[in-house]
PDB file of N, CA and C in Angstrom:
ATOM      1  N   MET A   1      66.257 -56.795  28.538  1.00  0.00           N
ATOM      2  CA  MET A   1      65.566 -55.876  28.560  1.00  0.00           C
ATOM      3  C   MET A   1      64.003 -56.027  29.101  1.00  0.00           C
ATOM      4  N   LYS A   2      63.522 -54.681  29.301  1.00  0.00           N
ATOM      5  CA  LYS A   2      62.523 -54.452  29.933  1.00  0.00           C
ATOM      6  C   LYS A   2      61.242 -54.531  28.820  1.00  0.00           C
ATOM      7  N   ALA A   3      60.399 -55.329  29.611  1.00  0.00           N
ATOM      8  CA  ALA A   3      59.080 -54.999  28.340  1.00  0.00           C
ATOM      9  C   ALA A   3      58.343 -53.606  28.046  1.00  0.00           C
ATOM     10  N   THR A   4      58.795 -52.625  29.508  1.00  0.00           N
ATOM     11  CA  THR A   4      58.365 -51.294  29.245  1.00  0.00           C
ATOM     12  C   THR A   4      59.567 -50.600  28.496  1.00  0.00           C
ATOM     13  N   GLU A   5      60.366 -51.276  27.863  1.00  0.00           N
ATOM     14  CA  GLU A   5      60.805 -50.176  26.835  1.00  0.00           C
ATOM     15  C   GLU A   5      60.764 -50.981  25.264  1.00  0.00           C
ATOM     16  N   LEU A   6      59.932 -51.232  25.132  1.00  0.00           N
ATOM     17  CA  LEU A   6      59.745 -52.343  23.666  1.00  0.00           C
ATOM     18  C   LEU A   6      58.264 -51.375  23.501  1.00  0.00           C
ATOM     19  N   ARG A   7      57.930 -51.535  22.409  1.00  0.00           N
ATOM     20  CA  ARG A   7      56.780 -51.487  21.288  1.00  0.00           C
ATOM     21  C   ARG A   7      57.117 -52.675  19.626  1.00  0.00           C
ATOM     22  N   ILE A   8      56.062 -52.850  19.657  1.00  0.00           N
ATOM     23  CA  ILE A   8      55.586 -53.936  18.798  1.00  0.00           C
ATOM     24  C   ILE A   8      55.983 -53.298  17.411  1.00  0.00           C
ATOM     25  N   GLY A   9      57.082 -53.773  16.644  1.00  0.00           N
ATOM     26  CA  GLY A   9      57.963 -53.063  15.168  1.00  0.00           C
ATOM     27  C   GLY A   9      59.184 -53.419  16.092  1.00  0.00           C
ATOM     28  N   ASN A  10      59.523 -52.889  16.915  1.00  0.00           N
ATOM     29  CA  ASN A  10      60.799 -52.622  17.696  1.00  0.00           C
ATOM     30  C   ASN A  10      62.391 -53.820  16.993  1.00  0.00           C
ATOM     31  N   TYR A  11      62.986 -53.289  16.514  1.00  0.00           N
ATOM     32  CA  TYR A  11      64.105 -54.299  16.221  1.00  0.00           C
ATOM     33  C   TYR A  11      65.266 -55.570  17.510  1.00  0.00           C
ATOM     34  N   VAL A  12      65.025 -56.072  17.419  1.00  0.00           N
ATOM     35  CA  VAL A  12      65.983 -56.552  18.828  1.00  0.00           C
ATOM     36  C   VAL A  12      66.994 -57.409  18.507  1.00  0.00           C
ATOM     37  N   SER A  13      67.611 -58.111  19.246  1.00  0.00           N
ATOM     38  CA  SER A  13      68.413 -59.389  18.906  1.00  0.00           C
ATOM     39  C   SER A  13      68.765 -60.153  20.224  1.00  0.00           C
ATOM     40  N   ASP A  14      68.787 -60.807  20.062  1.00  0.00           N
ATOM     41  CA  ASP A  14      68.825 -62.330  21.456  1.00  0.00           C
ATOM     42  C   ASP A  14      69.830 -63.178  21.709  1.00  0.00           C
ATOM     43  N   VAL A  15      70.042 -62.707  22.859  1.00  0.00           N
ATOM     44  CA  VAL A  15      71.992 -62.866  23.375  1.00  0.00           C
ATOM     45  C   VAL A  15      72.593 -63.827  23.118  1.00  0.00           C
ATOM     46  N   HIS A  16      71.789 -65.093  22.952  1.00  0.00           N
ATOM     47  CA  HIS A  16      72.166 -66.435  22.379  1.00  0.00           C
ATOM     48  C   HIS A  16      72.474 -66.333  20.717  1.00  0.00           C
ATOM     49  N   ALA A  17      71.851 -64.593  20.286  1.00  0.00           N
ATOM     50  CA  ALA A  17      71.987 -65.400  18.512  1.00  0.00           C
ATOM     51  C   ALA A  17      71.986 -63.805  17.913  1.00  0.00           C
ATOM     52  N   ASN A  18      73.663 -63.389  19.090  1.00  0.00           N
ATOM     53  CA  ASN A  18      73.683 -61.883  18.487  1.00  0.00           C
ATOM     54  C   ASN A  18      73.851 -61.028  16.953  1.00  0.00           C
ATOM     55  N   TRP A  19      74.083 -62.135  16.409  1.00  0.00           N
ATOM     56  CA  TRP A  19      74.256 -61.885  14.665  1.00  0.00           C
ATOM     57  C   TRP A  19      73.501 -61.631  13.579  1.00  0.00           C
ATOM     58  N   ASP A  20      72.538 -61.187  14.431  1.00  0.00           N
ATOM     59  CA  ASP A  20      70.962 -61.243  13.425  1.00  0.00           C
ATOM     60  C   ASP A  20      69.992 -60.466  13.715  1.00  0.00           C
ATOM     61  N   TYR A  21      68.988 -59.417  13.867  1.00  0.00           N
ATOM     62  CA  TYR A  21      67.831 -59.342  14.776  1.00  0.00           C
ATOM     63  C   TYR A  21      66.266 -59.394  14.350  1.00  0.00           C
ATOM     64  N   TRP A  22      65.418 -59.002  14.615  1.00  0.00           N
ATOM     65  CA  TRP A  22      64.433 -59.662  14.812  1.00  0.00           C
ATOM     66  C   TRP A  22      63.089 -58.105  14.781  1.00  0.00           C
ATOM     67  N   ALA A  23      62.146 -58.088  14.821  1.00  0.00           N
ATOM     68  CA  ALA A  23      61.119 -56.985  14.924  1.00  0.00           C
ATOM     69  C   ALA A  23      59.986 -57.958  15.902  1.00  0.00           C
ATOM     70  N   VAL A  24      60.346 -57.261  16.956  1.00  0.00           N
ATOM     71  CA  VAL A  24      59.003 -57.543  17.820  1.00  0.00           C
ATOM     72  C   VAL A  24      57.434 -57.984  17.490  1.00  0.00           C
ATOM     73  N   LYS A  25      56.703 -59.214  17.296  1.00  0.00           N
ATOM     74  CA  LYS A  25      55.799 -58.915  17.090  1.00  0.00           C
ATOM     75  C   LYS A  25      54.709 -59.093  18.036  1.00  0.00           C
ATOM     76  N   THR A  26      55.052 -59.703  19.117  1.00  0.00           N
ATOM     77  CA  THR A  26      53.491 -59.782  20.383  1.00  0.00           C
ATOM     78  C   THR A  26      54.284 -59.159  21.585  1.00  0.00           C
ATOM     79  N   LEU A  27      54.092 -58.308  22.483  1.00  0.00           N
ATOM     80  CA  LEU A  27      54.453 -58.353  23.441  1.00  0.00           C
ATOM     81  C   LEU A  27      53.473 -58.663  25.212  1.00  0.00           C
ATOM     82  N   GLY A  28      53.984 -59.828  25.660  1.00  0.00           N
ATOM     83  CA  GLY A  28      53.110 -60.518  26.767  1.00  0.00           C
ATOM     84  C   GLY A  28      54.168 -59.918  28.195  1.00  0.00           C
ATOM     85  N   GLU A  29      52.888 -60.485  29.373  1.00  0.00           N
ATOM     86  CA  GLU A  29      53.642 -59.848  30.872  1.00  0.00           C
ATOM     87  C   GLU A  29      55.476 -59.995  31.125  1.00  0.00           C
ATOM     88  N   LYS A  30      55.590 -61.896  30.805  1.00  0.00           N
ATOM     89  CA  LYS A  30      56.816 -62.140  30.443  1.00  0.00           C
ATOM     90  C   LYS A  30      57.393 -62.569  29.594  1.00  0.00           C
ATOM     91  N   ARG A  31      57.087 -62.882  28.490  1.00  0.00           N
ATOM     92  CA  ARG A  31      57.727 -63.119  27.511  1.00  0.00           C
ATOM     93  C   ARG A  31      56.941 -62.159  25.981  1.00  0.00           C
ATOM     94  N   CYS A  32      58.361 -62.367  24.815  1.00  0.00           N
ATOM     95  CA  CYS A  32      58.454 -61.721  23.693  1.00  0.00           C
ATOM     96  C   CYS A  32      58.199 -62.833  22.572  1.00  0.00           C
ATOM     97  N   TYR A  33      57.139 -62.457  21.749  1.00  0.00           N
ATOM     98  CA  TYR A  33      57.554 -63.179  20.036  1.00  0.00           C
ATOM     99  C   TYR A  33      57.972 -62.261  19.517  1.00  0.00           C
ATOM    100  N   TYR A  34      59.384 -62.841  18.562  1.00  0.00           N
ATOM    101  CA  TYR A  34      59.597 -62.189  17.163  1.00  0.00           C
ATOM    102  C   TYR A  34      60.364 -63.014  16.292  1.00  0.00           C
ATOM    103  N   GLY A  35      60.014 -62.583  15.350  1.00  0.00           N
ATOM    104  CA  GLY A  35      61.000 -63.858  14.703  1.00  0.00           C
ATOM    105  C   GLY A  35      59.548 -65.134  14.454  1.00  0.00           C
ATOM    106  N   SER A  36      60.485 -66.452  14.504  1.00  0.00           N
ATOM    107  CA  SER A  36      59.401 -67.288  15.275  1.00  0.00           C
ATOM    108  C   SER A  36      60.079 -67.724  16.447  1.00  0.00           C
ATOM    109  N   PHE A  37      60.389 -67.005  17.456  1.00  0.00           N
ATOM    110  CA  PHE A  37      60.540 -67.230  18.451  1.00  0.00           C
ATOM    111  C   PHE A  37      59.789 -66.426  19.954  1.00  0.00           C
ATOM    112  N   MET A  38      59.677 -67.194  20.661  1.00  0.00           N
ATOM    113  CA  MET A  38      58.298 -66.555  22.258  1.00  0.00           C
ATOM    114  C   MET A  38      60.157 -66.715  22.969  1.00  0.00           C
ATOM    115  N   GLU A  39      60.820 -65.815  23.255  1.00  0.00           N
ATOM    116  CA  GLU A  39      61.724 -64.916  24.382  1.00  0.00           C
ATOM    117  C   GLU A  39      61.519 -64.443  25.228  1.00  0.00           C
ATOM    118  N   LYS A  40      62.212 -65.133  26.632  1.00  0.00           N
ATOM    119  CA  LYS A  40      62.042 -63.753  27.732  1.00  0.00           C
ATOM    120  C   LYS A  40      62.328 -62.799  27.772  1.00  0.00           C
ATOM    121  N   TYR A  41      61.838 -61.562  28.289  1.00  0.00           N
ATOM    122  CA  TYR A  41      62.560 -60.446  28.064  1.00  0.00           C
ATOM    123  C   TYR A  41      64.467 -60.143  28.355  1.00  0.00           C
ATOM    124  N   GLU A  42      65.076 -61.271  29.451  1.00  0.00           N
ATOM    125  CA  GLU A  42      65.618 -60.710  29.710  1.00  0.00           C
ATOM    126  C   GLU A  42      66.855 -62.062  28.976  1.00  0.00           C
ATOM    127  N   HIS A  43      66.289 -62.205  27.698  1.00  0.00           N
ATOM    128  CA  HIS A  43      66.998 -62.912  26.842  1.00  0.00           C
ATOM    129  C   HIS A  43      67.378 -62.338  25.736  1.00  0.00           C
ATOM    130  N   LEU A  44      66.730 -60.892  25.034  1.00  0.00           N
ATOM    131  CA  LEU A  44      66.634 -60.274  24.617  1.00  0.00           C
ATOM    132  C   LEU A  44      67.824 -59.372  24.676  1.00  0.00           C
ATOM    133  N   GLN A  45      68.609 -59.025  24.263  1.00  0.00           N
ATOM    134  CA  GLN A  45      69.319 -57.132  23.667  1.00  0.00           C
ATOM    135  C   GLN A  45      69.919 -56.370  22.858  1.00  0.00           C
ATOM    136  N   PRO A  46      69.635 -54.891  23.316  1.00  0.00           N
ATOM    137  CA  PRO A  46      68.782 -53.751  22.727  1.00  0.00           C
ATOM    138  C   PRO A  46      70.427 -54.027  21.044  1.00  0.00           C
ATOM    139  N   ILE A  47      70.086 -53.271  20.390  1.00  0.00           N
ATOM    140  CA  ILE A  47      70.794 -53.146  18.838  1.00  0.00           C
ATOM    141  C   ILE A  47      71.374 -52.079  19.516  1.00  0.00           C
ATOM    142  N   PRO A  48      72.716 -51.701  18.929  1.00  0.00           N
ATOM    143  CA  PRO A  48      73.450 -50.599  19.466  1.00  0.00           C
ATOM    144  C   PRO A  48      72.794 -49.427  17.960  1.00  0.00           C
ATOM    145  N   LEU A  49      72.779 -48.322  17.850  1.00  0.00           N
ATOM    146  CA  LEU A  49      72.566 -47.756  16.821  1.00  0.00           C
ATOM    147  C   LEU A  49      74.227 -47.322  16.632  1.00  0.00           C
ATOM    148  N   THR A  50      74.290 -47.666  15.167  1.00  0.00           N
ATOM    149  CA  THR A  50      75.164 -46.976  14.362  1.00  0.00           C
ATOM    150  C   THR A  50      74.923 -46.877  12.744  1.00  0.00           C
ATOM    151  N   GLU A  51      75.635 -45.863  11.987  1.00  0.00           N
ATOM    152  CA  GLU A  51      75.343 -44.998  10.851  1.00  0.00           C
ATOM    153  C   GLU A  51      74.724 -45.852  10.008  1.00  0.00           C
ATOM    154  N   GLU A  52      75.071 -47.390  10.006  1.00  0.00           N
ATOM    155  CA  GLU A  52      74.705 -48.816   9.376  1.00  0.00           C
ATOM    156  C   GLU A  52      73.545 -48.467   9.193  1.00  0.00           C
ATOM    157  N   TRP A  53      72.551 -48.486  10.661  1.00  0.00           N
ATOM    158  CA  TRP A  53      71.405 -48.867  10.778  1.00  0.00           C
ATOM    159  C   TRP A  53      70.521 -46.917  10.404  1.00  0.00           C
ATOM    160  N   LEU A  54      71.248 -46.358  10.916  1.00  0.00           N
ATOM    161  CA  LEU A  54      70.926 -44.709  10.119  1.00  0.00           C
ATOM    162  C   LEU A  54      70.401 -44.788   8.795  1.00  0.00           C
ATOM    163  N   LYS A  55      71.200 -45.166   8.042  1.00  0.00           N
ATOM    164  CA  LYS A  55      70.787 -45.612   6.554  1.00  0.00           C
ATOM    165  C   LYS A  55      70.164 -46.555   5.983  1.00  0.00           C
ATOM    166  N   LYS A  56      69.801 -47.887   6.935  1.00  0.00           N
ATOM    167  CA  LYS A  56      69.071 -48.762   6.650  1.00  0.00           C
ATOM    168  C   LYS A  56      67.221 -47.975   7.352  1.00  0.00           C
ATOM    169  N   PHE A  57      67.152 -46.651   8.124  1.00  0.00           N
ATOM    170  CA  PHE A  57      65.864 -46.254   8.107  1.00  0.00           C
ATOM    171  C   PHE A  57      65.956 -44.785   7.142  1.00  0.00           C
ATOM    172  N   GLY A  58      67.169 -44.910   6.084  1.00  0.00           N
ATOM    173  CA  GLY A  58      67.095 -43.933   5.282  1.00  0.00           C
ATOM    174  C   GLY A  58      67.216 -42.604   5.810  1.00  0.00           C
ATOM    175  N   LEU A  59      67.729 -42.298   6.589  1.00  0.00           N
ATOM    176  CA  LEU A  59      68.515 -40.887   7.019  1.00  0.00           C
ATOM    177  C   LEU A  59      69.398 -40.734   6.162  1.00  0.00           C
ATOM    178  N   GLN A  60      69.739 -39.269   5.796  1.00  0.00           N
ATOM    179  CA  GLN A  60      70.981 -38.762   5.077  1.00  0.00           C
ATOM    180  C   GLN A  60      71.823 -37.798   5.644  1.00  0.00           C
ATOM    181  N   LYS A  61      73.293 -38.538   5.458  1.00  0.00           N
ATOM    182  CA  LYS A  61      74.155 -37.403   6.226  1.00  0.00           C
ATOM    183  C   LYS A  61      74.499 -36.227   5.397  1.00  0.00           C
ATOM    184  N   ASN A  62      74.249 -34.972   6.172  1.00  0.00           N
ATOM    185  CA  ASN A  62      74.713 -34.044   5.655  1.00  0.00           C
ATOM    186  C   ASN A  62      76.325 -33.338   5.633  1.00  0.00           C
ATOM    187  N   GLU A  63      76.092 -32.119   5.203  1.00  0.00           N
ATOM    188  CA  GLU A  63      77.513 -31.108   5.483  1.00  0.00           C
ATOM    189  C   GLU A  63      78.022 -31.339   6.673  1.00  0.00           C
ATOM    190  N   SER A  64      77.135 -31.462   7.464  1.00  0.00           N
ATOM    191  CA  SER A  64      77.706 -31.095   9.462  1.00  0.00           C
ATOM    192  C   SER A  64      78.126 -32.560  10.223  1.00  0.00           C
ATOM    193  N   GLY A  65      77.785 -33.318   9.412  1.00  0.00           N
ATOM    194  CA  GLY A  65      78.001 -34.967   9.840  1.00  0.00           C
ATOM    195  C   GLY A  65      76.562 -34.989  10.356  1.00  0.00           C
ATOM    196  N   HIS A  66      75.421 -34.581  10.954  1.00  0.00           N
ATOM    197  CA  HIS A  66      74.171 -34.734  11.388  1.00  0.00           C
ATOM    198  C   HIS A  66      73.926 -35.726  10.433  1.00  0.00           C
ATOM    199  N   TRP A  67      72.791 -37.044  10.365  1.00  0.00           N
ATOM    200  CA  TRP A  67      71.802 -37.489   9.605  1.00  0.00           C
ATOM    201  C   TRP A  67      70.398 -36.607  10.037  1.00  0.00           C
ATOM    202  N   CYS A  68      69.696 -36.530   8.182  1.00  0.00           N
ATOM    203  CA  CYS A  68      68.971 -36.071   8.625  1.00  0.00           C
ATOM    204  C   CYS A  68      67.553 -36.506   7.929  1.00  0.00           C
ATOM    205  N   ASN A  69      66.172 -36.871   8.440  1.00  0.00           N
ATOM    206  CA  ASN A  69      64.850 -37.352   7.379  1.00  0.00           C
ATOM    207  C   ASN A  69      64.007 -36.595   7.903  1.00  0.00           C
ATOM    208  N   LEU A  70      63.417 -36.088   6.073  1.00  0.00           N
ATOM    209  CA  LEU A  70      62.563 -34.551   6.336  1.00  0.00           C
ATOM    210  C   LEU A  70      60.876 -35.629   6.739  1.00  0.00           C
ATOM    211  N   VAL A  71      60.830 -35.180   7.527  1.00  0.00           N
ATOM    212  CA  VAL A  71      59.551 -35.721   7.406  1.00  0.00           C
ATOM    213  C   VAL A  71      58.224 -34.729   7.507  1.00  0.00           C
ATOM    214  N   GLU A  72      57.914 -35.231   6.107  1.00  0.00           N
ATOM    215  CA  GLU A  72      56.847 -34.423   5.087  1.00  0.00           C
ATOM    216  C   GLU A  72      55.284 -34.239   5.693  1.00  0.00           C
ATOM    217  N   SER A  73      54.633 -34.423   7.005  1.00  0.00           N
ATOM    218  CA  SER A  73      53.340 -34.363   7.385  1.00  0.00           C
ATOM    219  C   SER A  73      53.391 -33.146   8.376  1.00  0.00           C
ATOM    220  N   TYR A  74      54.710 -33.216   8.145  1.00  0.00           N
ATOM    221  CA  TYR A  74      55.237 -32.144  10.245  1.00  0.00           C
ATOM    222  C   TYR A  74      56.354 -30.653   9.636  1.00  0.00           C
ATOM    223  N   TYR A  75      56.379 -30.785   8.161  1.00  0.00           N
ATOM    224  CA  TYR A  75      57.479 -29.543   7.299  1.00  0.00           C
ATOM    225  C   TYR A  75      58.402 -29.768   8.569  1.00  0.00           C
ATOM    226  N   CYS A  76      59.167 -30.738   8.774  1.00  0.00           N
ATOM    227  CA  CYS A  76      60.223 -30.790   9.566  1.00  0.00           C
ATOM    228  C   CYS A  76      61.585 -31.638   9.491  1.00  0.00           C
ATOM    229  N   TYR A  77      62.056 -31.318  10.076  1.00  0.00           N
ATOM    230  CA  TYR A  77      63.550 -32.475   9.530  1.00  0.00           C
ATOM    231  C   TYR A  77      63.432 -33.292  11.316  1.00  0.00           C
ATOM    232  N   ILE A  78      64.180 -34.489  11.676  1.00  0.00           N
ATOM    233  CA  ILE A  78      64.861 -34.716  12.228  1.00  0.00           C
ATOM    234  C   ILE A  78      65.879 -35.102  11.933  1.00  0.00           C
ATOM    235  N   GLU A  79      66.639 -34.867  13.039  1.00  0.00           N
ATOM    236  CA  GLU A  79      68.121 -34.788  13.110  1.00  0.00           C
ATOM    237  C   GLU A  79      68.720 -35.479  14.128  1.00  0.00           C
ATOM    238  N   ILE A  80      69.563 -36.120  13.744  1.00  0.00           N
ATOM    239  CA  ILE A  80      70.460 -37.465  14.516  1.00  0.00           C
ATOM    240  C   ILE A  80      71.647 -36.717  14.711  1.00  0.00           C
ATOM    241  N   VAL A  81      72.393 -36.767  15.770  1.00  0.00           N
ATOM    242  CA  VAL A  81      73.551 -35.992  15.957  1.00  0.00           C
ATOM    243  C   VAL A  81      74.620 -37.028  16.780  1.00  0.00           C
ATOM    244  N   PRO A  82      75.569 -37.381  16.034  1.00  0.00           N
ATOM    245  CA  PRO A  82      76.610 -38.181  16.586  1.00  0.00           C
ATOM    246  C   PRO A  82      77.362 -37.552  17.434  1.00  0.00           C
ATOM    247  N   PHE A  83      77.075 -37.914  18.781  1.00  0.00           N
ATOM    248  CA  PHE A  83      78.676 -37.685  19.857  1.00  0.00           C
ATOM    249  C   PHE A  83      79.711 -38.443  20.011  1.00  0.00           C
ATOM    250  N   LYS A  84      80.472 -39.064  20.888  1.00  0.00           N
ATOM    251  CA  LYS A  84      81.407 -39.971  20.915  1.00  0.00           C
ATOM    252  C   LYS A  84      80.719 -41.124  21.345  1.00  0.00           C
ATOM    253  N   ASN A  85      81.655 -42.461  21.445  1.00  0.00           N
ATOM    254  CA  ASN A  85      80.649 -43.595  21.419  1.00  0.00           C
ATOM    255  C   ASN A  85      79.718 -44.212  21.409  1.00  0.00           C
ATOM    256  N   GLY A  86      79.198 -44.223  20.392  1.00  0.00           N
ATOM    257  CA  GLY A  86      78.234 -44.588  20.061  1.00  0.00           C
ATOM    258  C   GLY A  86      76.859 -44.236  20.665  1.00  0.00           C
ATOM    259  N   ILE A  87      77.257 -42.720  20.909  1.00  0.00           N
ATOM    260  CA  ILE A  87      75.957 -42.175  21.669  1.00  0.00           C
ATOM    261  C   ILE A  87      75.112 -40.623  20.732  1.00  0.00           C
ATOM    262  N   TYR A  88      73.925 -40.506  20.404  1.00  0.00           N
ATOM    263  CA  TYR A  88      73.574 -40.119  19.398  1.00  0.00           C
ATOM    264  C   TYR A  88      72.298 -39.010  20.420  1.00  0.00           C
ATOM    265  N   SER A  89      71.698 -38.196  19.871  1.00  0.00           N
ATOM    266  CA  SER A  89      70.518 -36.954  20.343  1.00  0.00           C
ATOM    267  C   SER A  89      70.359 -36.934  19.212  1.00  0.00           C
ATOM    268  N   LEU A  90      68.486 -36.748  19.160  1.00  0.00           N
ATOM    269  CA  LEU A  90      67.689 -36.640  18.815  1.00  0.00           C
ATOM    270  C   LEU A  90      66.914 -34.782  18.280  1.00  0.00           C
ATOM    271  N   GLY A  91      67.331 -34.636  16.879  1.00  0.00           N
ATOM    272  CA  GLY A  91      66.593 -32.797  17.631  1.00  0.00           C
ATOM    273  C   GLY A  91      65.229 -32.991  15.921  1.00  0.00           C
ATOM    274  N   ILE A  92      64.635 -31.701  16.635  1.00  0.00           N
ATOM    275  CA  ILE A  92      64.081 -31.921  15.521  1.00  0.00           C
ATOM    276  C   ILE A  92      63.882 -30.517  14.796  1.00  0.00           C
ATOM    277  N   LEU A  93      64.277 -29.909  13.597  1.00  0.00           N
ATOM    278  CA  LEU A  93      64.795 -28.753  13.234  1.00  0.00           C
ATOM    279  C   LEU A  93      63.360 -28.204  11.912  1.00  0.00           C
ATOM    280  N   GLY A  94      63.123 -27.054  12.342  1.00  0.00           N
ATOM    281  CA  GLY A  94      61.665 -26.213  11.920  1.00  0.00           C
ATOM    282  C   GLY A  94      61.853 -25.746  10.685  1.00  0.00           C
ATOM    283  N   HIS A  95      61.351 -24.794  10.240  1.00  0.00           N
ATOM    284  CA  HIS A  95      61.102 -23.944   9.390  1.00  0.00           C
ATOM    285  C   HIS A  95      62.195 -22.956   9.557  1.00  0.00           C
ATOM    286  N   TYR A  96      63.121 -22.700   8.288  1.00  0.00           N
ATOM    287  CA  TYR A  96      64.704 -21.834   8.570  1.00  0.00           C
ATOM    288  C   TYR A  96      65.656 -22.270   9.472  1.00  0.00           C
ATOM    289  N   ASP A  97      65.673 -23.707   9.816  1.00  0.00           N
ATOM    290  CA  ASP A  97      66.729 -24.327  10.705  1.00  0.00           C
ATOM    291  C   ASP A  97      66.229 -24.336  12.168  1.00  0.00           C
ATOM    292  N   ALA A  98      65.161 -23.681  12.748  1.00  0.00           N
ATOM    293  CA  ALA A  98      64.714 -23.680  13.671  1.00  0.00           C
ATOM    294  C   ALA A  98      64.986 -24.769  14.270  1.00  0.00           C
ATOM    295  N   ARG A  99      66.262 -24.872  15.654  1.00  0.00           N
ATOM    296  CA  ARG A  99      66.135 -26.306  16.410  1.00  0.00           C
ATOM    297  C   ARG A  99      65.279 -25.373  17.245  1.00  0.00           C
ATOM    298  N   LEU A 100      64.328 -27.131  17.240  1.00  0.00           N
ATOM    299  CA  LEU A 100      63.317 -27.313  18.459  1.00  0.00           C
ATOM    300  C   LEU A 100      63.011 -27.524  20.085  1.00  0.00           C
ATOM    301  N   GLY A 101      64.627 -28.362  19.737  1.00  0.00           N
ATOM    302  CA  GLY A 101      64.659 -29.092  21.068  1.00  0.00           C
ATOM    303  C   GLY A 101      65.495 -30.535  20.580  1.00  0.00           C
ATOM    304  N   TYR A 102      66.449 -30.916  21.923  1.00  0.00           N
ATOM    305  CA  TYR A 102      67.120 -31.918  21.478  1.00  0.00           C
ATOM    306  C   TYR A 102      66.470 -32.784  22.704  1.00  0.00           C
ATOM    307  N   THR A 103      66.916 -34.821  22.717  1.00  0.00           N
ATOM    308  CA  THR A 103      66.238 -35.633  23.498  1.00  0.00           C
ATOM    309  C   THR A 103      67.674 -35.922  24.197  1.00  0.00           C
ATOM    310  N   SER A 104      67.523 -35.997  25.075  1.00  0.00           N
ATOM    311  CA  SER A 104      68.372 -37.071  26.273  1.00  0.00           C
ATOM    312  C   SER A 104      69.389 -37.908  24.660  1.00  0.00           C
ATOM    313  N   GLU A 105      70.258 -38.478  25.393  1.00  0.00           N
ATOM    314  CA  GLU A 105      71.110 -39.851  24.905  1.00  0.00           C
ATOM    315  C   GLU A 105      69.995 -41.242  23.791  1.00  0.00           C
ATOM    316  N   ILE A 106      70.936 -41.388  23.060  1.00  0.00           N
ATOM    317  CA  ILE A 106      70.825 -42.456  22.219  1.00  0.00           C
ATOM    318  C   ILE A 106      71.431 -43.539  22.045  1.00  0.00           C
ATOM    319  N   LYS A 107      71.142 -44.583  22.479  1.00  0.00           N
ATOM    320  CA  LYS A 107      72.361 -45.473  22.483  1.00  0.00           C
ATOM    321  C   LYS A 107      71.528 -46.963  21.412  1.00  0.00           C
ATOM    322  N   TYR A 108      70.581 -46.989  21.218  1.00  0.00           N
ATOM    323  CA  TYR A 108      69.977 -48.280  20.344  1.00  0.00           C
ATOM    324  C   TYR A 108      68.946 -47.971  19.565  1.00  0.00           C
ATOM    325  N   VAL A 109      68.768 -48.982  19.188  1.00  0.00           N
ATOM    326  CA  VAL A 109      67.780 -49.168  17.283  1.00  0.00           C
ATOM    327  C   VAL A 109      66.587 -48.800  18.711  1.00  0.00           C
ATOM    328  N   HIS A 110      66.118 -49.586  19.440  1.00  0.00           N
ATOM    329  CA  HIS A 110      64.871 -49.027  19.556  1.00  0.00           C
ATOM    330  C   HIS A 110      64.524 -47.887  20.264  1.00  0.00           C
ATOM    331  N   GLN A 111      65.083 -47.786  20.793  1.00  0.00           N
ATOM    332  CA  GLN A 111      65.114 -45.638  21.364  1.00  0.00           C
ATOM    333  C   GLN A 111      65.167 -45.131  20.328  1.00  0.00           C
ATOM    334  N   LEU A 112      65.624 -45.146  19.418  1.00  0.00           N
ATOM    335  CA  LEU A 112      65.379 -44.107  17.796  1.00  0.00           C
ATOM    336  C   LEU A 112      63.979 -44.750  17.646  1.00  0.00           C
ATOM    337  N   GLN A 113      63.628 -46.145  17.358  1.00  0.00           N
ATOM    338  CA  GLN A 113      62.147 -46.416  16.778  1.00  0.00           C
ATOM    339  C   GLN A 113      61.385 -45.196  17.491  1.00  0.00           C
ATOM    340  N   ASN A 114      61.151 -45.690  18.793  1.00  0.00           N
ATOM    341  CA  ASN A 114      60.374 -44.916  19.716  1.00  0.00           C
ATOM    342  C   ASN A 114      60.268 -43.820  19.568  1.00  0.00           C
ATOM    343  N   LEU A 115      61.521 -42.757  19.769  1.00  0.00           N
ATOM    344  CA  LEU A 115      60.901 -41.615  20.267  1.00  0.00           C
ATOM    345  C   LEU A 115      61.035 -41.374  18.809  1.00  0.00           C
ATOM    346  N   TYR A 116      61.167 -41.822  17.458  1.00  0.00           N
ATOM    347  CA  TYR A 116      60.843 -41.067  16.196  1.00  0.00           C
ATOM    348  C   TYR A 116      59.012 -41.796  16.293  1.00  0.00           C
ATOM    349  N   PHE A 117      58.575 -42.650  16.302  1.00  0.00           N
ATOM    350  CA  PHE A 117      57.105 -42.928  16.537  1.00  0.00           C
ATOM    351  C   PHE A 117      56.380 -41.952  17.343  1.00  0.00           C
ATOM    352  N   ALA A 118      56.978 -41.430  18.279  1.00  0.00           N
ATOM    353  CA  ALA A 118      56.069 -40.605  19.940  1.00  0.00           C
ATOM    354  C   ALA A 118      56.264 -39.059  18.942  1.00  0.00           C
ATOM    355  N   LEU A 119      57.071 -38.982  17.580  1.00  0.00           N
ATOM    356  CA  LEU A 119      57.720 -37.284  17.427  1.00  0.00           C
ATOM    357  C   LEU A 119      56.489 -37.270  16.224  1.00  0.00           C
ATOM    358  N   THR A 120      56.125 -38.050  15.097  1.00  0.00           N
ATOM    359  CA  THR A 120      56.138 -38.411  13.894  1.00  0.00           C
ATOM    360  C   THR A 120      54.898 -39.079  14.223  1.00  0.00           C
ATOM    361  N   GLY A 121      54.533 -40.045  14.540  1.00  0.00           N
ATOM    362  CA  GLY A 121      53.116 -40.773  15.112  1.00  0.00           C
ATOM    363  C   GLY A 121      53.370 -41.654  13.494  1.00  0.00           C
ATOM    364  N   GLU A 122      54.375 -42.081  12.977  1.00  0.00           N
ATOM    365  CA  GLU A 122      54.917 -43.050  11.746  1.00  0.00           C
ATOM    366  C   GLU A 122      55.963 -43.923  12.039  1.00  0.00           C
ATOM    367  N   GLU A 123      56.367 -44.762  11.984  1.00  0.00           N
ATOM    368  CA  GLU A 123      57.108 -45.920  12.081  1.00  0.00           C
ATOM    369  C   GLU A 123      58.891 -45.896  11.239  1.00  0.00           C
ATOM    370  N   LEU A 124      59.159 -45.516  11.331  1.00  0.00           N
ATOM    371  CA  LEU A 124      61.178 -45.664  10.709  1.00  0.00           C
ATOM    372  C   LEU A 124      60.426 -46.896  10.143  1.00  0.00           C
ATOM    373  N   GLN A 125      60.895 -46.792   9.366  1.00  0.00           N
ATOM    374  CA  GLN A 125      61.176 -48.098   7.985  1.00  0.00           C
ATOM    375  C   GLN A 125      62.641 -48.394   7.765  1.00  0.00           C
ATOM    376  N   SER A 126      62.926 -49.600   8.031  1.00  0.00           N
ATOM    377  CA  SER A 126      64.115 -49.981   7.443  1.00  0.00           C
ATOM    378  C   SER A 126      64.177 -50.470   5.728  1.00  0.00           C
TER     379      SER A 126
END
């Protein structure tokens, strides 16, 4: 992974211990501190975005099979639309189901965390 992809609080896993995940605590020029580890970015790997992660973040699956989360401060919904092969797209639904746009592909947990924060100013909580 690259340092430019990450923010403090992003979840990552380690290539040597991919059965677990950690939140990034500090970002350095060449290394990242997470959990109780300091590691080079090349030893980190992104976590694939799955339905399990969408549930952890509190999103609800609607009748269309899309995952939604109300952003009360903006009176809109964030909608995660599943495609094939673990690829998703993030959309914003305004009043009266007006679709305000969709992003490019999202494959990883940290991408969803970053987009959500950029759009709402709030962190996704697991």
